[in-house]
């Protein structure tokens, strides 16, 4: 990982534009782009086998806070959702490494330097050197949506996806 992927922990600016975007997402738009909700993705904790906790498929946010962590950059939406969910149960995450890539998170977890919090679909099944535990209490999910230009006519593939998921 290059120096561009690591940086000291910094807070996000108060009243950030992403908070305004969160309200827009609930209304089905973000920056003027229509959104079609597709579902959500569960966050999981990834650890290396040597550092792995005893067998178990879940871990609480209160347990996660006591571990050395590698997290997404605090300006990324996924990190904001993670921080907000943890704050809701009185937990403040203090990562030792931050990055803007899933590959970087997994690499740090694999090295044993820190555990990583990632969306579940980013961890391949059958990686013998990693252990995965779903984070619960609270269960933390990342919403997934299709964003498109407001232009009409819509491309056929967009119309099909929206029809399949109950969009307009």
N, C-alpha and C. Protein backbone atom coordinates (compact mmCIF):
# COMPACT_ATOMS: atom_id res chain seq x y z
N UNK A 1 0.84 -1.18 0.00
CA UNK A 1 0.00 0.00 0.00
C UNK A 1 0.88 1.24 0.00
N UNK A 2 0.58 2.18 -0.85
CA UNK A 2 1.34 3.41 -0.91
C UNK A 2 0.90 4.38 0.16
N UNK A 3 1.68 5.45 0.32
CA UNK A 3 1.36 6.45 1.33
C UNK A 3 0.01 7.10 1.08
N UNK A 4 -0.44 7.10 -0.16
CA UNK A 4 -1.73 7.71 -0.47
C UNK A 4 -2.90 6.97 0.14
N UNK A 5 -2.67 5.72 0.56
CA UNK A 5 -3.75 4.93 1.13
C UNK A 5 -3.79 5.00 2.65
N UNK A 6 -2.75 5.52 3.28
CA UNK A 6 -2.72 5.62 4.73
C UNK A 6 -2.67 7.08 5.12
N UNK A 7 -3.38 7.40 6.18
CA UNK A 7 -3.27 8.76 6.68
C UNK A 7 -3.72 8.77 8.13
N UNK A 8 -3.36 9.82 8.82
CA UNK A 8 -3.76 9.94 10.21
C UNK A 8 -5.26 10.11 10.31
N UNK A 9 -5.83 9.67 11.40
CA UNK A 9 -7.27 9.79 11.63
C UNK A 9 -7.66 11.25 11.64
N UNK A 10 -8.64 11.59 10.85
CA UNK A 10 -9.16 12.96 10.83
C UNK A 10 -10.66 12.91 10.89
N UNK A 11 -11.26 13.88 11.50
CA UNK A 11 -12.71 13.92 11.58
C UNK A 11 -13.30 14.46 10.29
N UNK A 12 -14.54 14.09 10.04
CA UNK A 12 -15.20 14.66 8.87
C UNK A 12 -15.72 16.04 9.24
N UNK A 13 -15.79 16.93 8.29
CA UNK A 13 -16.21 18.29 8.60
C UNK A 13 -17.66 18.33 9.06
N UNK A 14 -17.97 19.16 10.06
CA UNK A 14 -19.35 19.26 10.51
C UNK A 14 -20.23 19.76 9.37
N UNK A 15 -21.44 19.21 9.29
CA UNK A 15 -22.38 19.63 8.26
C UNK A 15 -21.93 19.25 6.87
N UNK A 16 -21.22 18.13 6.76
CA UNK A 16 -20.69 17.74 5.45
C UNK A 16 -21.79 17.54 4.43
N UNK A 17 -21.43 17.70 3.18
CA UNK A 17 -22.39 17.55 2.09
C UNK A 17 -22.98 16.16 2.06
N UNK A 18 -22.23 15.16 2.54
CA UNK A 18 -22.75 13.80 2.51
C UNK A 18 -23.95 13.63 3.43
N UNK A 19 -24.00 14.39 4.52
CA UNK A 19 -25.18 14.29 5.39
C UNK A 19 -26.42 14.78 4.65
N UNK A 20 -26.29 15.82 3.87
CA UNK A 20 -27.42 16.30 3.07
C UNK A 20 -27.80 15.25 2.04
N UNK A 21 -26.80 14.59 1.48
CA UNK A 21 -27.07 13.55 0.49
C UNK A 21 -27.82 12.39 1.12
N UNK A 22 -27.57 12.10 2.39
CA UNK A 22 -28.26 11.00 3.05
C UNK A 22 -29.76 11.22 3.04
N UNK A 23 -30.21 12.44 3.31
CA UNK A 23 -31.64 12.73 3.26
C UNK A 23 -32.18 12.61 1.86
N UNK A 24 -31.40 13.03 0.88
CA UNK A 24 -31.84 12.93 -0.51
C UNK A 24 -31.96 11.47 -0.93
N UNK A 25 -31.04 10.61 -0.46
CA UNK A 25 -31.10 9.20 -0.81
C UNK A 25 -32.40 8.58 -0.34
N UNK A 26 -32.88 8.97 0.84
CA UNK A 26 -34.12 8.42 1.35
C UNK A 26 -35.30 8.84 0.48
N UNK A 27 -35.18 9.96 -0.22
CA UNK A 27 -36.26 10.41 -1.11
C UNK A 27 -36.12 9.84 -2.51
N UNK A 28 -35.05 9.08 -2.77
CA UNK A 28 -34.88 8.47 -4.08
C UNK A 28 -34.06 9.28 -5.06
N UNK A 29 -33.32 10.29 -4.58
CA UNK A 29 -32.46 11.09 -5.44
C UNK A 29 -31.16 11.40 -4.70
N UNK A 30 -30.09 11.58 -5.47
CA UNK A 30 -28.82 12.02 -4.92
C UNK A 30 -28.16 12.90 -5.98
N UNK A 31 -27.88 14.13 -5.62
CA UNK A 31 -27.28 15.09 -6.56
C UNK A 31 -28.08 15.18 -7.86
N UNK A 32 -29.40 15.10 -7.77
CA UNK A 32 -30.25 15.21 -8.94
C UNK A 32 -30.39 13.94 -9.75
N UNK A 33 -29.75 12.88 -9.31
CA UNK A 33 -29.82 11.60 -10.03
C UNK A 33 -30.85 10.69 -9.36
N UNK A 34 -31.81 10.17 -10.12
CA UNK A 34 -32.77 9.23 -9.53
C UNK A 34 -32.05 7.97 -9.04
N UNK A 35 -32.47 7.48 -7.87
CA UNK A 35 -31.90 6.27 -7.29
C UNK A 35 -32.96 5.18 -7.24
N UNK A 36 -32.57 3.96 -7.55
CA UNK A 36 -33.43 2.80 -7.40
C UNK A 36 -32.79 1.91 -6.35
N UNK A 37 -33.40 1.78 -5.15
CA UNK A 37 -32.82 0.91 -4.12
C UNK A 37 -32.76 -0.54 -4.59
N UNK A 38 -31.63 -1.19 -4.36
CA UNK A 38 -31.44 -2.58 -4.76
C UNK A 38 -31.32 -3.52 -3.58
N UNK A 39 -31.15 -2.99 -2.39
CA UNK A 39 -30.99 -3.84 -1.21
C UNK A 39 -29.96 -3.23 -0.29
N UNK A 40 -29.34 -4.08 0.51
CA UNK A 40 -28.31 -3.60 1.43
C UNK A 40 -27.27 -4.70 1.63
N UNK A 41 -26.15 -4.28 2.14
CA UNK A 41 -25.00 -5.16 2.33
C UNK A 41 -24.60 -5.13 3.79
N UNK A 42 -24.42 -6.28 4.41
CA UNK A 42 -24.02 -6.39 5.80
C UNK A 42 -22.53 -6.12 5.95
N UNK A 43 -22.14 -5.35 6.97
CA UNK A 43 -20.73 -5.16 7.28
C UNK A 43 -20.24 -6.33 8.12
N UNK A 44 -19.00 -6.77 7.86
CA UNK A 44 -18.40 -7.86 8.61
C UNK A 44 -17.00 -7.46 9.05
N UNK A 45 -16.51 -8.15 10.08
CA UNK A 45 -15.15 -7.97 10.56
C UNK A 45 -14.30 -9.09 9.96
N UNK A 46 -13.18 -8.73 9.35
CA UNK A 46 -12.28 -9.70 8.75
C UNK A 46 -10.98 -9.71 9.55
N UNK A 47 -10.55 -10.89 9.97
CA UNK A 47 -9.32 -11.04 10.74
C UNK A 47 -8.44 -12.10 10.08
N UNK A 48 -7.14 -12.01 10.34
CA UNK A 48 -6.23 -13.05 9.85
C UNK A 48 -6.34 -14.25 10.78
N UNK A 49 -6.04 -15.42 10.28
CA UNK A 49 -6.16 -16.63 11.09
C UNK A 49 -5.32 -16.56 12.35
N UNK A 50 -4.04 -16.13 12.30
CA UNK A 50 -3.27 -16.07 13.54
C UNK A 50 -3.90 -15.13 14.58
N UNK A 51 -4.59 -14.10 14.14
CA UNK A 51 -5.19 -13.14 15.07
C UNK A 51 -6.65 -13.45 15.34
N UNK A 52 -7.17 -14.52 14.73
CA UNK A 52 -8.61 -14.79 14.80
C UNK A 52 -9.08 -15.05 16.22
N UNK A 53 -10.29 -14.62 16.47
CA UNK A 53 -10.93 -14.86 17.76
C UNK A 53 -11.43 -16.29 17.79
N UNK A 54 -11.86 -16.78 18.94
CA UNK A 54 -12.42 -18.13 18.99
C UNK A 54 -13.60 -18.27 18.04
N UNK A 55 -13.89 -19.50 17.68
CA UNK A 55 -14.96 -19.78 16.71
C UNK A 55 -16.23 -19.04 17.08
N UNK A 56 -16.84 -18.43 16.11
CA UNK A 56 -18.07 -17.68 16.30
C UNK A 56 -18.35 -16.90 15.04
N UNK A 57 -19.61 -16.75 14.72
CA UNK A 57 -19.94 -16.10 13.46
C UNK A 57 -20.35 -14.65 13.62
N UNK A 58 -20.43 -14.14 14.84
CA UNK A 58 -20.82 -12.74 15.04
C UNK A 58 -19.91 -12.07 16.06
N UNK A 59 -19.91 -10.75 16.01
CA UNK A 59 -19.18 -9.93 16.97
C UNK A 59 -19.98 -8.64 17.15
N UNK A 60 -20.00 -8.09 18.34
CA UNK A 60 -20.74 -6.85 18.57
C UNK A 60 -19.85 -5.64 18.29
N UNK A 61 -20.48 -4.51 18.08
CA UNK A 61 -19.73 -3.27 17.87
C UNK A 61 -18.88 -2.95 19.09
N UNK A 62 -19.36 -3.29 20.28
CA UNK A 62 -18.59 -3.03 21.49
C UNK A 62 -17.32 -3.89 21.55
N UNK A 63 -17.38 -5.10 20.98
CA UNK A 63 -16.19 -5.95 20.91
C UNK A 63 -15.23 -5.47 19.83
N UNK A 64 -15.77 -4.98 18.73
CA UNK A 64 -14.94 -4.50 17.61
C UNK A 64 -14.06 -3.34 18.05
N UNK A 65 -14.59 -2.46 18.89
CA UNK A 65 -13.87 -1.25 19.28
C UNK A 65 -12.56 -1.56 20.01
N UNK A 66 -12.46 -2.73 20.63
CA UNK A 66 -11.25 -3.08 21.38
C UNK A 66 -10.15 -3.69 20.52
N UNK A 67 -10.37 -3.79 19.22
CA UNK A 67 -9.41 -4.42 18.32
C UNK A 67 -8.68 -3.35 17.49
N UNK A 68 -7.45 -3.63 17.05
CA UNK A 68 -6.82 -2.71 16.10
C UNK A 68 -7.59 -2.80 14.78
N UNK A 69 -8.00 -1.67 14.25
CA UNK A 69 -8.89 -1.67 13.08
C UNK A 69 -8.30 -0.95 11.88
N UNK A 70 -8.66 -1.47 10.71
CA UNK A 70 -8.43 -0.79 9.44
C UNK A 70 -9.81 -0.53 8.87
N UNK A 71 -10.11 0.75 8.60
CA UNK A 71 -11.43 1.14 8.13
C UNK A 71 -11.33 1.98 6.87
N UNK A 72 -12.48 2.12 6.20
CA UNK A 72 -12.55 3.03 5.07
C UNK A 72 -12.22 4.45 5.53
N UNK A 73 -11.78 5.27 4.61
CA UNK A 73 -11.54 6.69 4.85
C UNK A 73 -12.81 7.32 5.42
N UNK A 74 -12.69 8.24 6.38
CA UNK A 74 -13.88 8.82 7.01
C UNK A 74 -14.76 9.67 6.09
N UNK A 75 -14.26 10.03 4.91
CA UNK A 75 -15.09 10.80 3.99
C UNK A 75 -15.93 9.93 3.06
N UNK A 76 -15.74 8.62 3.11
CA UNK A 76 -16.53 7.72 2.28
C UNK A 76 -17.87 7.43 2.96
N UNK A 77 -18.90 7.32 2.16
CA UNK A 77 -20.26 7.10 2.68
C UNK A 77 -20.35 5.84 3.53
N UNK A 78 -19.69 4.77 3.11
CA UNK A 78 -19.73 3.52 3.88
C UNK A 78 -19.17 3.74 5.28
N UNK A 79 -18.11 4.51 5.40
CA UNK A 79 -17.52 4.79 6.72
C UNK A 79 -18.45 5.65 7.56
N UNK A 80 -19.09 6.62 6.94
CA UNK A 80 -20.02 7.47 7.69
C UNK A 80 -21.16 6.65 8.26
N UNK A 81 -21.69 5.73 7.46
CA UNK A 81 -22.77 4.86 7.95
C UNK A 81 -22.28 3.99 9.10
N UNK A 82 -21.08 3.45 8.98
CA UNK A 82 -20.49 2.63 10.03
C UNK A 82 -20.31 3.44 11.31
N UNK A 83 -19.72 4.63 11.20
CA UNK A 83 -19.51 5.48 12.37
C UNK A 83 -20.83 5.87 13.03
N UNK A 84 -21.82 6.23 12.22
CA UNK A 84 -23.12 6.63 12.77
C UNK A 84 -23.81 5.48 13.49
N UNK A 85 -23.76 4.28 12.92
CA UNK A 85 -24.38 3.12 13.56
C UNK A 85 -23.70 2.79 14.88
N UNK A 86 -22.38 2.85 14.91
CA UNK A 86 -21.65 2.59 16.14
C UNK A 86 -21.92 3.66 17.19
N UNK A 87 -21.96 4.92 16.76
CA UNK A 87 -22.25 6.01 17.69
C UNK A 87 -23.62 5.83 18.33
N UNK A 88 -24.55 5.24 17.59
CA UNK A 88 -25.89 4.99 18.12
C UNK A 88 -25.90 4.05 19.32
N UNK A 89 -24.85 3.24 19.48
CA UNK A 89 -24.75 2.35 20.64
C UNK A 89 -23.59 2.78 21.54
N UNK A 90 -23.14 4.02 21.38
CA UNK A 90 -22.11 4.57 22.25
C UNK A 90 -20.69 4.11 21.95
N UNK A 91 -20.43 3.68 20.72
CA UNK A 91 -19.11 3.18 20.34
C UNK A 91 -18.46 4.15 19.36
N UNK A 92 -17.20 4.50 19.61
CA UNK A 92 -16.42 5.33 18.69
C UNK A 92 -15.26 4.48 18.19
N UNK A 93 -15.21 4.27 16.88
CA UNK A 93 -14.14 3.47 16.29
C UNK A 93 -12.91 4.34 16.08
N UNK A 94 -11.74 3.80 16.45
CA UNK A 94 -10.47 4.52 16.30
C UNK A 94 -9.51 3.64 15.51
N UNK A 95 -9.54 3.75 14.19
CA UNK A 95 -8.69 2.89 13.36
C UNK A 95 -7.21 3.24 13.47
N UNK A 96 -6.38 2.22 13.23
CA UNK A 96 -4.94 2.44 13.15
C UNK A 96 -4.51 2.66 11.71
N UNK A 97 -5.35 2.23 10.75
CA UNK A 97 -5.10 2.43 9.33
C UNK A 97 -6.43 2.78 8.67
N UNK A 98 -6.39 3.71 7.71
CA UNK A 98 -7.57 4.05 6.91
C UNK A 98 -7.19 3.99 5.44
N UNK A 99 -8.12 3.56 4.61
CA UNK A 99 -7.87 3.46 3.17
C UNK A 99 -9.18 3.66 2.43
N UNK A 100 -9.09 3.91 1.15
CA UNK A 100 -10.30 4.08 0.36
C UNK A 100 -10.56 2.88 -0.54
N UNK A 101 -9.87 1.77 -0.29
CA UNK A 101 -10.08 0.60 -1.15
C UNK A 101 -10.34 -0.66 -0.33
N UNK A 102 -11.25 -1.47 -0.83
CA UNK A 102 -11.53 -2.76 -0.19
C UNK A 102 -10.29 -3.64 -0.23
N UNK A 103 -9.57 -3.59 -1.35
CA UNK A 103 -8.35 -4.39 -1.48
C UNK A 103 -7.35 -4.03 -0.38
N UNK A 104 -7.23 -2.74 -0.08
CA UNK A 104 -6.33 -2.30 0.98
C UNK A 104 -6.78 -2.81 2.34
N UNK A 105 -8.09 -2.76 2.60
CA UNK A 105 -8.62 -3.26 3.87
C UNK A 105 -8.31 -4.75 4.03
N UNK A 106 -8.57 -5.53 2.99
CA UNK A 106 -8.33 -6.98 3.05
C UNK A 106 -6.84 -7.28 3.21
N UNK A 107 -5.99 -6.52 2.51
CA UNK A 107 -4.54 -6.74 2.62
C UNK A 107 -4.05 -6.49 4.05
N UNK A 108 -4.55 -5.44 4.69
CA UNK A 108 -4.15 -5.15 6.06
C UNK A 108 -4.63 -6.27 6.99
N UNK A 109 -5.86 -6.71 6.82
CA UNK A 109 -6.38 -7.81 7.65
C UNK A 109 -5.54 -9.07 7.44
N UNK A 110 -5.23 -9.36 6.19
CA UNK A 110 -4.44 -10.56 5.87
C UNK A 110 -3.06 -10.49 6.51
N UNK A 111 -2.49 -9.29 6.60
CA UNK A 111 -1.14 -9.13 7.18
C UNK A 111 -1.13 -9.33 8.69
N UNK A 112 -2.29 -9.21 9.32
CA UNK A 112 -2.36 -9.34 10.77
C UNK A 112 -2.12 -8.04 11.52
N UNK A 113 -1.85 -6.95 10.81
CA UNK A 113 -1.61 -5.65 11.44
C UNK A 113 -2.87 -5.15 12.13
N UNK A 114 -4.01 -5.33 11.49
CA UNK A 114 -5.29 -4.86 12.04
C UNK A 114 -6.41 -5.66 11.41
N UNK A 115 -7.56 -5.66 12.06
CA UNK A 115 -8.76 -6.27 11.50
C UNK A 115 -9.45 -5.24 10.62
N UNK A 116 -10.18 -5.70 9.63
CA UNK A 116 -10.85 -4.79 8.70
C UNK A 116 -12.36 -4.96 8.78
N UNK A 117 -13.07 -3.85 8.60
CA UNK A 117 -14.53 -3.88 8.50
C UNK A 117 -14.86 -3.60 7.04
N UNK A 118 -15.55 -4.56 6.41
CA UNK A 118 -15.84 -4.48 4.98
C UNK A 118 -17.26 -4.97 4.70
N UNK A 119 -17.83 -4.62 3.54
CA UNK A 119 -19.09 -5.24 3.13
C UNK A 119 -18.88 -6.74 2.91
N UNK A 120 -19.84 -7.55 3.33
CA UNK A 120 -19.70 -9.01 3.29
C UNK A 120 -19.38 -9.56 1.91
N UNK A 121 -19.94 -8.98 0.87
CA UNK A 121 -19.73 -9.52 -0.48
C UNK A 121 -18.31 -9.34 -0.99
N UNK A 122 -17.50 -8.56 -0.30
CA UNK A 122 -16.13 -8.32 -0.75
C UNK A 122 -15.16 -9.38 -0.26
N UNK A 123 -15.64 -10.29 0.58
CA UNK A 123 -14.78 -11.34 1.13
C UNK A 123 -15.14 -12.66 0.45
N UNK A 124 -14.19 -13.20 -0.30
CA UNK A 124 -14.44 -14.45 -1.01
C UNK A 124 -14.51 -15.62 -0.03
N UNK A 125 -15.46 -16.50 -0.26
CA UNK A 125 -15.53 -17.71 0.56
C UNK A 125 -14.34 -18.58 0.23
N UNK A 126 -13.86 -19.28 1.23
CA UNK A 126 -12.77 -20.21 0.99
C UNK A 126 -11.39 -19.61 1.11
N UNK A 127 -11.27 -18.36 1.56
CA UNK A 127 -9.94 -17.82 1.80
C UNK A 127 -9.46 -18.42 3.12
N UNK A 128 -8.51 -19.35 3.07
CA UNK A 128 -8.13 -20.06 4.28
C UNK A 128 -7.39 -19.20 5.31
N UNK A 129 -6.86 -18.06 4.89
CA UNK A 129 -6.08 -17.23 5.81
C UNK A 129 -6.90 -16.12 6.47
N UNK A 130 -8.21 -16.10 6.26
CA UNK A 130 -9.06 -15.06 6.85
C UNK A 130 -10.25 -15.67 7.57
N UNK A 131 -10.69 -14.99 8.62
CA UNK A 131 -11.92 -15.35 9.33
C UNK A 131 -12.86 -14.16 9.24
N UNK A 132 -14.15 -14.44 9.11
CA UNK A 132 -15.16 -13.40 8.94
C UNK A 132 -16.20 -13.54 10.04
N UNK A 133 -16.56 -12.43 10.67
CA UNK A 133 -17.61 -12.41 11.69
C UNK A 133 -18.57 -11.27 11.37
N UNK A 134 -19.85 -11.59 11.29
CA UNK A 134 -20.86 -10.55 11.06
C UNK A 134 -20.92 -9.64 12.27
N UNK A 135 -21.03 -8.34 12.03
CA UNK A 135 -21.15 -7.38 13.13
C UNK A 135 -22.63 -7.24 13.47
N UNK A 136 -22.96 -7.47 14.75
CA UNK A 136 -24.33 -7.27 15.19
C UNK A 136 -24.33 -6.37 16.42
N UNK A 137 -25.48 -5.96 16.83
CA UNK A 137 -25.65 -5.09 18.01
C UNK A 137 -24.79 -3.85 17.90
N UNK A 138 -25.05 -3.00 16.91
CA UNK A 138 -26.13 -3.11 15.93
C UNK A 138 -25.67 -3.86 14.68
N UNK A 139 -26.65 -4.42 13.98
CA UNK A 139 -26.37 -4.95 12.65
C UNK A 139 -26.18 -3.73 11.75
N UNK A 140 -25.08 -3.69 11.04
CA UNK A 140 -24.75 -2.50 10.25
C UNK A 140 -24.83 -2.87 8.77
N UNK A 141 -25.65 -2.11 8.03
CA UNK A 141 -25.87 -2.39 6.61
C UNK A 141 -25.56 -1.17 5.77
N UNK A 142 -25.03 -1.43 4.59
CA UNK A 142 -24.73 -0.41 3.60
C UNK A 142 -25.79 -0.48 2.51
N UNK A 143 -26.59 0.58 2.33
CA UNK A 143 -27.60 0.53 1.27
C UNK A 143 -26.95 0.50 -0.12
N UNK A 144 -27.56 -0.25 -1.01
CA UNK A 144 -27.08 -0.34 -2.39
C UNK A 144 -28.18 0.16 -3.30
N UNK A 145 -27.81 1.05 -4.24
CA UNK A 145 -28.80 1.63 -5.14
C UNK A 145 -28.20 1.81 -6.53
N UNK A 146 -29.06 1.81 -7.52
CA UNK A 146 -28.69 2.12 -8.89
C UNK A 146 -28.93 3.61 -9.08
N UNK A 147 -27.88 4.36 -9.41
CA UNK A 147 -28.02 5.79 -9.71
C UNK A 147 -27.94 5.94 -11.22
N UNK A 148 -28.79 6.80 -11.75
CA UNK A 148 -28.79 7.00 -13.20
C UNK A 148 -29.00 8.48 -13.50
N UNK A 149 -28.70 8.84 -14.73
CA UNK A 149 -28.98 10.19 -15.18
C UNK A 149 -30.49 10.34 -15.31
N UNK A 150 -30.98 11.54 -15.13
CA UNK A 150 -32.42 11.79 -15.22
C UNK A 150 -32.90 11.86 -16.66
N UNK A 151 -31.99 11.72 -17.60
CA UNK A 151 -32.35 11.82 -19.02
C UNK A 151 -33.38 10.77 -19.43
N UNK A 152 -34.23 11.17 -20.33
CA UNK A 152 -35.18 10.24 -20.95
C UNK A 152 -34.86 10.19 -22.43
N UNK A 153 -35.02 9.14 -23.13
CA UNK A 153 -35.48 7.87 -22.59
C UNK A 153 -34.36 7.17 -21.82
N UNK A 154 -34.78 6.34 -20.89
CA UNK A 154 -33.82 5.57 -20.11
C UNK A 154 -33.24 4.46 -20.98
N UNK A 155 -31.98 4.12 -20.76
CA UNK A 155 -31.43 2.97 -21.48
C UNK A 155 -32.24 1.71 -21.13
N UNK A 156 -32.41 0.80 -22.06
CA UNK A 156 -33.21 -0.41 -21.81
C UNK A 156 -32.76 -1.20 -20.59
N UNK A 157 -31.46 -1.32 -20.35
CA UNK A 157 -31.00 -2.09 -19.21
C UNK A 157 -31.45 -1.44 -17.90
N UNK A 158 -31.48 -0.11 -17.83
CA UNK A 158 -31.95 0.58 -16.63
C UNK A 158 -33.43 0.32 -16.43
N UNK A 159 -34.21 0.39 -17.50
CA UNK A 159 -35.65 0.12 -17.40
C UNK A 159 -35.91 -1.29 -16.89
N UNK A 160 -35.14 -2.26 -17.36
CA UNK A 160 -35.32 -3.65 -16.92
C UNK A 160 -34.97 -3.79 -15.44
N UNK A 161 -33.84 -3.23 -15.02
CA UNK A 161 -33.45 -3.31 -13.61
C UNK A 161 -34.49 -2.66 -12.72
N UNK A 162 -34.95 -1.47 -13.09
CA UNK A 162 -35.96 -0.78 -12.29
C UNK A 162 -37.25 -1.59 -12.22
N UNK A 163 -37.65 -2.22 -13.32
CA UNK A 163 -38.86 -3.05 -13.31
C UNK A 163 -38.68 -4.27 -12.40
N UNK A 164 -37.50 -4.86 -12.41
CA UNK A 164 -37.24 -6.04 -11.58
C UNK A 164 -37.27 -5.73 -10.09
N UNK A 165 -36.81 -4.54 -9.71
CA UNK A 165 -36.74 -4.20 -8.29
C UNK A 165 -37.88 -3.30 -7.85
N UNK A 166 -38.85 -3.08 -8.72
CA UNK A 166 -40.01 -2.29 -8.34
C UNK A 166 -39.81 -0.80 -8.46
N UNK A 167 -38.87 -0.37 -9.28
CA UNK A 167 -38.68 1.07 -9.51
C UNK A 167 -39.82 1.61 -10.32
N UNK A 168 -39.68 2.83 -10.77
CA UNK A 168 -40.80 3.49 -11.46
C UNK A 168 -41.27 2.81 -12.70
